[in-house]
PDB file of N, CA and C in Angstrom:
ATOM      1  N   MET A   1      -5.876   1.120 -30.588  1.00  0.00           N
ATOM      2  CA  MET A   1      -5.375   2.272 -30.781  1.00  0.00           C
ATOM      3  C   MET A   1      -3.386   1.868 -30.824  1.00  0.00           C
ATOM      4  N   THR A   2      -2.299   1.607 -31.302  1.00  0.00           N
ATOM      5  CA  THR A   2      -0.630   0.842 -30.247  1.00  0.00           C
ATOM      6  C   THR A   2      -0.273   3.339 -30.123  1.00  0.00           C
ATOM      7  N   LYS A   3       0.512   3.106 -29.136  1.00  0.00           N
ATOM      8  CA  LYS A   3       0.980   4.080 -28.437  1.00  0.00           C
ATOM      9  C   LYS A   3       1.942   5.298 -29.569  1.00  0.00           C
ATOM     10  N   ALA A   4       1.910   4.427 -30.913  1.00  0.00           N
ATOM     11  CA  ALA A   4       3.226   5.129 -31.771  1.00  0.00           C
ATOM     12  C   ALA A   4       1.930   5.835 -32.667  1.00  0.00           C
ATOM     13  N   GLU A   5       0.448   4.916 -33.351  1.00  0.00           N
ATOM     14  CA  GLU A   5      -0.154   5.617 -33.934  1.00  0.00           C
ATOM     15  C   GLU A   5      -1.085   7.089 -33.823  1.00  0.00           C
ATOM     16  N   GLU A   6      -1.384   6.681 -32.122  1.00  0.00           N
ATOM     17  CA  GLU A   6      -1.873   7.679 -31.335  1.00  0.00           C
ATOM     18  C   GLU A   6      -0.293   9.426 -31.131  1.00  0.00           C
ATOM     19  N   ALA A   7       1.145   9.045 -31.479  1.00  0.00           N
ATOM     20  CA  ALA A   7       1.963   9.688 -31.017  1.00  0.00           C
ATOM     21  C   ALA A   7       1.378  11.080 -32.796  1.00  0.00           C
ATOM     22  N   GLU A   8       1.481   9.323 -33.586  1.00  0.00           N
ATOM     23  CA  GLU A   8       1.276   9.942 -35.124  1.00  0.00           C
ATOM     24  C   GLU A   8      -0.309  11.601 -34.901  1.00  0.00           C
ATOM     25  N   GLN A   9      -0.625  10.584 -34.665  1.00  0.00           N
ATOM     26  CA  GLN A   9      -2.722  11.344 -34.381  1.00  0.00           C
ATOM     27  C   GLN A   9      -2.218  12.419 -34.367  1.00  0.00           C
ATOM     28  N   PRO A  10      -1.889  13.996 -35.463  1.00  0.00           N
ATOM     29  CA  PRO A  10      -2.577  14.936 -35.306  1.00  0.00           C
ATOM     30  C   PRO A  10      -3.528  15.372 -34.302  1.00  0.00           C
ATOM     31  N   VAL A  11      -3.673  15.970 -33.628  1.00  0.00           N
ATOM     32  CA  VAL A  11      -4.330  16.827 -33.139  1.00  0.00           C
ATOM     33  C   VAL A  11      -4.814  18.717 -32.687  1.00  0.00           C
ATOM     34  N   ASP A  12      -5.210  19.321 -32.233  1.00  0.00           N
ATOM     35  CA  ASP A  12      -5.438  20.781 -32.801  1.00  0.00           C
ATOM     36  C   ASP A  12      -3.795  21.732 -32.109  1.00  0.00           C
ATOM     37  N   PHE A  13      -3.265  22.785 -31.620  1.00  0.00           N
ATOM     38  CA  PHE A  13      -2.423  23.798 -31.246  1.00  0.00           C
ATOM     39  C   PHE A  13      -3.008  23.676 -29.729  1.00  0.00           C
ATOM     40  N   GLU A  14      -3.562  23.697 -30.012  1.00  0.00           N
ATOM     41  CA  GLU A  14      -3.855  23.628 -27.825  1.00  0.00           C
ATOM     42  C   GLU A  14      -4.269  22.754 -26.927  1.00  0.00           C
ATOM     43  N   GLN A  15      -4.808  21.545 -27.250  1.00  0.00           N
ATOM     44  CA  GLN A  15      -4.645  19.948 -27.367  1.00  0.00           C
ATOM     45  C   GLN A  15      -3.381  20.458 -27.215  1.00  0.00           C
ATOM     46  N   ALA A  16      -2.596  19.415 -28.390  1.00  0.00           N
ATOM     47  CA  ALA A  16      -1.814  18.968 -28.271  1.00  0.00           C
ATOM     48  C   ALA A  16      -0.569  20.172 -27.440  1.00  0.00           C
ATOM     49  N   LEU A  17      -0.293  21.318 -26.885  1.00  0.00           N
ATOM     50  CA  LEU A  17       0.179  22.740 -26.128  1.00  0.00           C
ATOM     51  C   LEU A  17      -0.671  22.592 -24.407  1.00  0.00           C
ATOM     52  N   ALA A  18      -1.929  21.857 -24.187  1.00  0.00           N
ATOM     53  CA  ALA A  18      -2.779  20.958 -23.179  1.00  0.00           C
ATOM     54  C   ALA A  18      -1.770  19.402 -22.192  1.00  0.00           C
ATOM     55  N   GLU A  19      -1.607  18.634 -23.275  1.00  0.00           N
ATOM     56  CA  GLU A  19      -0.708  17.778 -23.160  1.00  0.00           C
ATOM     57  C   GLU A  19       0.358  17.875 -23.655  1.00  0.00           C
ATOM     58  N   LEU A  20       0.765  18.318 -23.806  1.00  0.00           N
ATOM     59  CA  LEU A  20       2.602  19.109 -23.432  1.00  0.00           C
ATOM     60  C   LEU A  20       2.366  19.313 -21.687  1.00  0.00           C
ATOM     61  N   GLU A  21       1.965  20.472 -21.539  1.00  0.00           N
ATOM     62  CA  GLU A  21       2.125  21.312 -20.208  1.00  0.00           C
ATOM     63  C   GLU A  21       2.044  19.836 -19.063  1.00  0.00           C
ATOM     64  N   ALA A  22       0.821  18.843 -19.456  1.00  0.00           N
ATOM     65  CA  ALA A  22       0.604  17.551 -18.100  1.00  0.00           C
ATOM     66  C   ALA A  22       1.790  16.340 -18.084  1.00  0.00           C
ATOM     67  N   LEU A  23       2.068  16.158 -19.458  1.00  0.00           N
ATOM     68  CA  LEU A  23       3.288  15.389 -19.095  1.00  0.00           C
ATOM     69  C   LEU A  23       4.313  15.951 -18.734  1.00  0.00           C
ATOM     70  N   VAL A  24       4.950  17.640 -19.120  1.00  0.00           N
ATOM     71  CA  VAL A  24       5.299  18.371 -18.260  1.00  0.00           C
ATOM     72  C   VAL A  24       5.175  18.287 -16.449  1.00  0.00           C
ATOM     73  N   GLU A  25       4.569  17.955 -16.381  1.00  0.00           N
ATOM     74  CA  GLU A  25       3.987  18.612 -14.809  1.00  0.00           C
ATOM     75  C   GLU A  25       3.970  16.245 -14.052  1.00  0.00           C
ATOM     76  N   ARG A  26       3.889  16.285 -14.939  1.00  0.00           N
ATOM     77  CA  ARG A  26       3.904  15.058 -15.060  1.00  0.00           C
ATOM     78  C   ARG A  26       5.734  14.165 -14.102  1.00  0.00           C
ATOM     79  N   MET A  27       6.477  14.229 -15.813  1.00  0.00           N
ATOM     80  CA  MET A  27       7.649  13.969 -15.522  1.00  0.00           C
ATOM     81  C   MET A  27       8.472  15.103 -13.673  1.00  0.00           C
ATOM     82  N   GLU A  28       8.008  16.297 -14.140  1.00  0.00           N
ATOM     83  CA  GLU A  28       8.479  16.377 -12.671  1.00  0.00           C
ATOM     84  C   GLU A  28       8.466  16.584 -11.322  1.00  0.00           C
ATOM     85  N   SER A  29       6.922  15.516 -11.342  1.00  0.00           N
ATOM     86  CA  SER A  29       6.836  14.845 -10.585  1.00  0.00           C
ATOM     87  C   SER A  29       7.785  13.973  -9.736  1.00  0.00           C
ATOM     88  N   GLY A  30       8.423  13.081 -10.695  1.00  0.00           N
ATOM     89  CA  GLY A  30       8.859  12.671 -10.027  1.00  0.00           C
ATOM     90  C   GLY A  30       8.616  10.527  -9.813  1.00  0.00           C
ATOM     91  N   GLU A  31       7.611  10.611 -10.155  1.00  0.00           N
ATOM     92  CA  GLU A  31       6.541   9.486  -9.915  1.00  0.00           C
ATOM     93  C   GLU A  31       6.792   8.629 -10.291  1.00  0.00           C
ATOM     94  N   LEU A  32       7.095   9.183 -12.246  1.00  0.00           N
ATOM     95  CA  LEU A  32       7.014   7.820 -13.373  1.00  0.00           C
ATOM     96  C   LEU A  32       8.525   7.153 -13.490  1.00  0.00           C
ATOM     97  N   SER A  33       8.383   5.841 -13.648  1.00  0.00           N
ATOM     98  CA  SER A  33       9.669   5.337 -13.724  1.00  0.00           C
ATOM     99  C   SER A  33      10.437   5.219 -15.097  1.00  0.00           C
ATOM    100  N   LEU A  34      12.335   5.216 -14.799  1.00  0.00           N
ATOM    101  CA  LEU A  34      12.132   5.878 -16.034  1.00  0.00           C
ATOM    102  C   LEU A  34      11.375   5.039 -17.150  1.00  0.00           C
ATOM    103  N   GLU A  35      10.872   3.961 -17.663  1.00  0.00           N
ATOM    104  CA  GLU A  35      10.533   3.718 -18.918  1.00  0.00           C
ATOM    105  C   GLU A  35       8.501   3.880 -19.437  1.00  0.00           C
ATOM    106  N   ASP A  36       7.751   4.979 -17.763  1.00  0.00           N
ATOM    107  CA  ASP A  36       7.646   5.607 -18.357  1.00  0.00           C
ATOM    108  C   ASP A  36       7.803   7.182 -18.834  1.00  0.00           C
ATOM    109  N   SER A  37       8.527   7.461 -17.861  1.00  0.00           N
ATOM    110  CA  SER A  37       9.359   9.219 -18.290  1.00  0.00           C
ATOM    111  C   SER A  37      10.460   9.043 -19.885  1.00  0.00           C
ATOM    112  N   LEU A  38      10.234   8.188 -20.387  1.00  0.00           N
ATOM    113  CA  LEU A  38      10.962   8.202 -21.946  1.00  0.00           C
ATOM    114  C   LEU A  38      10.420   7.637 -22.503  1.00  0.00           C
ATOM    115  N   LYS A  39       9.591   7.322 -22.150  1.00  0.00           N
ATOM    116  CA  LYS A  39       7.716   8.076 -23.432  1.00  0.00           C
ATOM    117  C   LYS A  39       7.754   9.011 -23.492  1.00  0.00           C
ATOM    118  N   SER A  40       7.112   9.251 -21.893  1.00  0.00           N
ATOM    119  CA  SER A  40       5.925  10.678 -22.187  1.00  0.00           C
ATOM    120  C   SER A  40       7.446  11.724 -22.589  1.00  0.00           C
ATOM    121  N   PHE A  41       8.759  10.830 -22.485  1.00  0.00           N
ATOM    122  CA  PHE A  41       9.557  12.032 -23.380  1.00  0.00           C
ATOM    123  C   PHE A  41       9.251  12.662 -25.071  1.00  0.00           C
ATOM    124  N   GLU A  42       8.967  10.487 -25.354  1.00  0.00           N
ATOM    125  CA  GLU A  42       8.971  10.805 -26.631  1.00  0.00           C
ATOM    126  C   GLU A  42       7.951  11.014 -27.474  1.00  0.00           C
ATOM    127  N   ARG A  43       6.297  11.020 -26.154  1.00  0.00           N
ATOM    128  CA  ARG A  43       5.135  11.871 -26.414  1.00  0.00           C
ATOM    129  C   ARG A  43       5.586  13.596 -26.987  1.00  0.00           C
ATOM    130  N   GLY A  44       6.220  14.167 -26.140  1.00  0.00           N
ATOM    131  CA  GLY A  44       6.656  14.580 -25.418  1.00  0.00           C
ATOM    132  C   GLY A  44       7.576  15.940 -27.110  1.00  0.00           C
ATOM    133  N   ILE A  45       7.588  15.377 -27.458  1.00  0.00           N
ATOM    134  CA  ILE A  45       8.871  15.352 -29.165  1.00  0.00           C
ATOM    135  C   ILE A  45       8.125  15.895 -29.880  1.00  0.00           C
ATOM    136  N   ALA A  46       6.885  14.857 -29.803  1.00  0.00           N
ATOM    137  CA  ALA A  46       5.895  14.779 -30.989  1.00  0.00           C
ATOM    138  C   ALA A  46       4.886  15.398 -31.055  1.00  0.00           C
ATOM    139  N   LEU A  47       5.088  15.786 -30.333  1.00  0.00           N
ATOM    140  CA  LEU A  47       3.462  17.367 -29.811  1.00  0.00           C
ATOM    141  C   LEU A  47       4.468  18.546 -29.883  1.00  0.00           C
ATOM    142  N   THR A  48       5.215  18.354 -28.978  1.00  0.00           N
ATOM    143  CA  THR A  48       6.004  20.434 -30.042  1.00  0.00           C
ATOM    144  C   THR A  48       6.280  20.169 -31.369  1.00  0.00           C
ATOM    145  N   ARG A  49       7.083  18.913 -31.710  1.00  0.00           N
ATOM    146  CA  ARG A  49       7.354  18.787 -32.902  1.00  0.00           C
ATOM    147  C   ARG A  49       5.922  19.889 -34.181  1.00  0.00           C
ATOM    148  N   GLN A  50       4.633  19.018 -33.782  1.00  0.00           N
ATOM    149  CA  GLN A  50       3.273  19.712 -33.651  1.00  0.00           C
ATOM    150  C   GLN A  50       3.204  21.486 -34.128  1.00  0.00           C
ATOM    151  N   CYS A  51       3.649  21.177 -32.704  1.00  0.00           N
ATOM    152  CA  CYS A  51       2.766  23.022 -32.266  1.00  0.00           C
ATOM    153  C   CYS A  51       3.965  22.993 -33.054  1.00  0.00           C
ATOM    154  N   GLN A  52       5.549  22.921 -32.742  1.00  0.00           N
ATOM    155  CA  GLN A  52       6.474  24.036 -33.714  1.00  0.00           C
ATOM    156  C   GLN A  52       5.693  24.644 -35.593  1.00  0.00           C
ATOM    157  N   LYS A  53       5.504  23.062 -35.929  1.00  0.00           N
ATOM    158  CA  LYS A  53       4.453  22.841 -37.284  1.00  0.00           C
ATOM    159  C   LYS A  53       3.733  23.685 -37.376  1.00  0.00           C
ATOM    160  N   ALA A  54       2.155  23.592 -36.168  1.00  0.00           N
ATOM    161  CA  ALA A  54       0.895  25.040 -36.417  1.00  0.00           C
ATOM    162  C   ALA A  54       1.441  26.263 -36.669  1.00  0.00           C
ATOM    163  N   LEU A  55       2.100  26.985 -35.515  1.00  0.00           N
ATOM    164  CA  LEU A  55       3.025  28.094 -35.723  1.00  0.00           C
ATOM    165  C   LEU A  55       3.237  28.155 -36.903  1.00  0.00           C
ATOM    166  N   SER A  56       4.711  27.465 -38.121  1.00  0.00           N
ATOM    167  CA  SER A  56       5.050  28.471 -38.559  1.00  0.00           C
ATOM    168  C   SER A  56       3.905  28.728 -39.215  1.00  0.00           C
ATOM    169  N   GLU A  57       2.953  27.097 -40.095  1.00  0.00           N
ATOM    170  CA  GLU A  57       2.019  27.584 -40.735  1.00  0.00           C
ATOM    171  C   GLU A  57       0.956  28.757 -40.261  1.00  0.00           C
ATOM    172  N   ALA A  58       0.912  28.822 -39.078  1.00  0.00           N
ATOM    173  CA  ALA A  58       0.045  30.222 -38.994  1.00  0.00           C
ATOM    174  C   ALA A  58       0.816  31.281 -38.882  1.00  0.00           C
ATOM    175  N   GLU A  59       1.757  31.380 -38.731  1.00  0.00           N
ATOM    176  CA  GLU A  59       3.065  32.751 -39.330  1.00  0.00           C
ATOM    177  C   GLU A  59       2.951  32.223 -40.762  1.00  0.00           C
ATOM    178  N   GLN A  60       3.163  32.186 -41.400  1.00  0.00           N
ATOM    179  CA  GLN A  60       3.034  32.048 -43.792  1.00  0.00           C
ATOM    180  C   GLN A  60       1.698  32.851 -43.826  1.00  0.00           C
ATOM    181  N   LYS A  61       0.596  32.285 -43.089  1.00  0.00           N
ATOM    182  CA  LYS A  61      -0.610  32.623 -43.873  1.00  0.00           C
ATOM    183  C   LYS A  61      -0.888  34.085 -43.028  1.00  0.00           C
ATOM    184  N   VAL A  62       0.186  34.552 -41.980  1.00  0.00           N
ATOM    185  CA  VAL A  62      -0.029  35.685 -41.696  1.00  0.00           C
ATOM    186  C   VAL A  62       0.692  36.325 -42.718  1.00  0.00           C
ATOM    187  N   GLU A  63       1.857  36.183 -43.273  1.00  0.00           N
ATOM    188  CA  GLU A  63       2.576  36.205 -43.580  1.00  0.00           C
ATOM    189  C   GLU A  63       1.880  36.774 -45.671  1.00  0.00           C
ATOM    190  N   ILE A  64       1.219  36.104 -45.439  1.00  0.00           N
ATOM    191  CA  ILE A  64       0.811  36.307 -47.572  1.00  0.00           C
ATOM    192  C   ILE A  64      -0.627  37.126 -46.794  1.00  0.00           C
ATOM    193  N   LEU A  65      -1.070  36.659 -45.289  1.00  0.00           N
ATOM    194  CA  LEU A  65      -3.173  37.584 -45.597  1.00  0.00           C
ATOM    195  C   LEU A  65      -2.914  39.066 -45.902  1.00  0.00           C
ATOM    196  N   THR A  66      -0.753  39.211 -45.454  1.00  0.00           N
ATOM    197  CA  THR A  66      -0.289  40.915 -45.016  1.00  0.00           C
ATOM    198  C   THR A  66       0.015  40.897 -45.740  1.00  0.00           C
ATOM    199  N   GLY A  67       0.057  40.648 -46.969  1.00  0.00           N
ATOM    200  CA  GLY A  67       0.974  40.463 -48.027  1.00  0.00           C
ATOM    201  C   GLY A  67       2.642  41.147 -48.469  1.00  0.00           C
ATOM    202  N   LYS A  68       3.519  40.462 -46.737  1.00  0.00           N
ATOM    203  CA  LYS A  68       4.240  41.068 -46.220  1.00  0.00           C
ATOM    204  C   LYS A  68       4.690  39.437 -47.404  1.00  0.00           C
ATOM    205  N   ASN A  69       5.147  38.425 -48.393  1.00  0.00           N
ATOM    206  CA  ASN A  69       5.811  37.987 -48.738  1.00  0.00           C
ATOM    207  C   ASN A  69       6.459  37.588 -49.216  1.00  0.00           C
ATOM    208  N   GLY A  70       6.944  38.792 -49.327  1.00  0.00           N
ATOM    209  CA  GLY A  70       8.634  39.155 -50.448  1.00  0.00           C
ATOM    210  C   GLY A  70       9.456  39.680 -49.545  1.00  0.00           C
ATOM    211  N   GLU A  71       8.699  40.639 -48.205  1.00  0.00           N
ATOM    212  CA  GLU A  71       9.793  41.977 -47.216  1.00  0.00           C
ATOM    213  C   GLU A  71      10.343  41.007 -46.583  1.00  0.00           C
ATOM    214  N   ASP A  72      11.561  41.761 -45.934  1.00  0.00           N
ATOM    215  CA  ASP A  72      12.381  41.139 -45.653  1.00  0.00           C
ATOM    216  C   ASP A  72      12.211  40.288 -44.362  1.00  0.00           C
ATOM    217  N   GLY A  73      11.247  40.991 -42.667  1.00  0.00           N
ATOM    218  CA  GLY A  73      11.096  40.515 -41.873  1.00  0.00           C
ATOM    219  C   GLY A  73       9.339  40.680 -41.229  1.00  0.00           C
ATOM    220  N   VAL A  74       8.773  40.719 -40.612  1.00  0.00           N
ATOM    221  CA  VAL A  74       7.482  40.032 -39.870  1.00  0.00           C
ATOM    222  C   VAL A  74       7.258  41.634 -39.099  1.00  0.00           C
ATOM    223  N   GLU A  75       6.356  42.966 -38.909  1.00  0.00           N
ATOM    224  CA  GLU A  75       6.783  43.357 -38.208  1.00  0.00           C
ATOM    225  C   GLU A  75       5.580  43.260 -37.227  1.00  0.00           C
ATOM    226  N   PRO A  76       6.154  43.578 -35.984  1.00  0.00           N
ATOM    227  CA  PRO A  76       5.838  43.052 -34.914  1.00  0.00           C
ATOM    228  C   PRO A  76       4.458  43.827 -33.896  1.00  0.00           C
ATOM    229  N   PHE A  77       3.909  43.465 -33.411  1.00  0.00           N
ATOM    230  CA  PHE A  77       2.852  43.721 -33.694  1.00  0.00           C
ATOM    231  C   PHE A  77       2.382  44.856 -32.640  1.00  0.00           C
ATOM    232  N   THR A  78       1.985  45.805 -32.346  1.00  0.00           N
ATOM    233  CA  THR A  78       1.723  46.321 -31.439  1.00  0.00           C
ATOM    234  C   THR A  78       0.511  47.050 -31.415  1.00  0.00           C
ATOM    235  N   ALA A  79      -0.037  47.744 -30.598  1.00  0.00           N
ATOM    236  CA  ALA A  79      -1.064  48.225 -30.141  1.00  0.00           C
ATOM    237  C   ALA A  79      -2.027  49.353 -31.092  1.00  0.00           C
ATOM    238  N   ASP A  80      -1.310  50.185 -31.466  1.00  0.00           N
ATOM    239  CA  ASP A  80      -0.139  51.803 -32.261  1.00  0.00           C
ATOM    240  C   ASP A  80      -0.691  50.827 -33.846  1.00  0.00           C
ATOM    241  N   ASN A  81      -0.559  50.053 -34.467  1.00  0.00           N
ATOM    242  CA  ASN A  81      -0.840  49.000 -35.787  1.00  0.00           C
ATOM    243  C   ASN A  81      -2.224  48.481 -36.336  1.00  0.00           C
ATOM    244  N   ARG A  82      -2.657  49.311 -35.795  1.00  0.00           N
ATOM    245  CA  ARG A  82      -4.473  48.873 -36.123  1.00  0.00           C
ATOM    246  C   ARG A  82      -4.366  49.434 -37.784  1.00  0.00           C
ATOM    247  N   ASP A  83      -4.865  49.000 -38.260  1.00  0.00           N
ATOM    248  CA  ASP A  83      -5.489  49.915 -39.701  1.00  0.00           C
ATOM    249  C   ASP A  83      -7.324  50.454 -39.874  1.00  0.00           C
TER     250      ASP A  83
END
């Protein structure tokens, strides 16, 4: 599998976030070459997009499940909002 194929391969949210955190740590260490840093940055952008998409899809599901699809905003969660 090439790096480009690996970057496009979907992973679940938790895996993507963990990989993104590891990439940031490696990049912040300053031990990567410029080329490796750029590759890591590219991968990080792809992972960030995957995480944003997963969060957006989860938000849509929550809105559908709570029946608030047509309302203006999402009600913030508090412990007192239990039904």
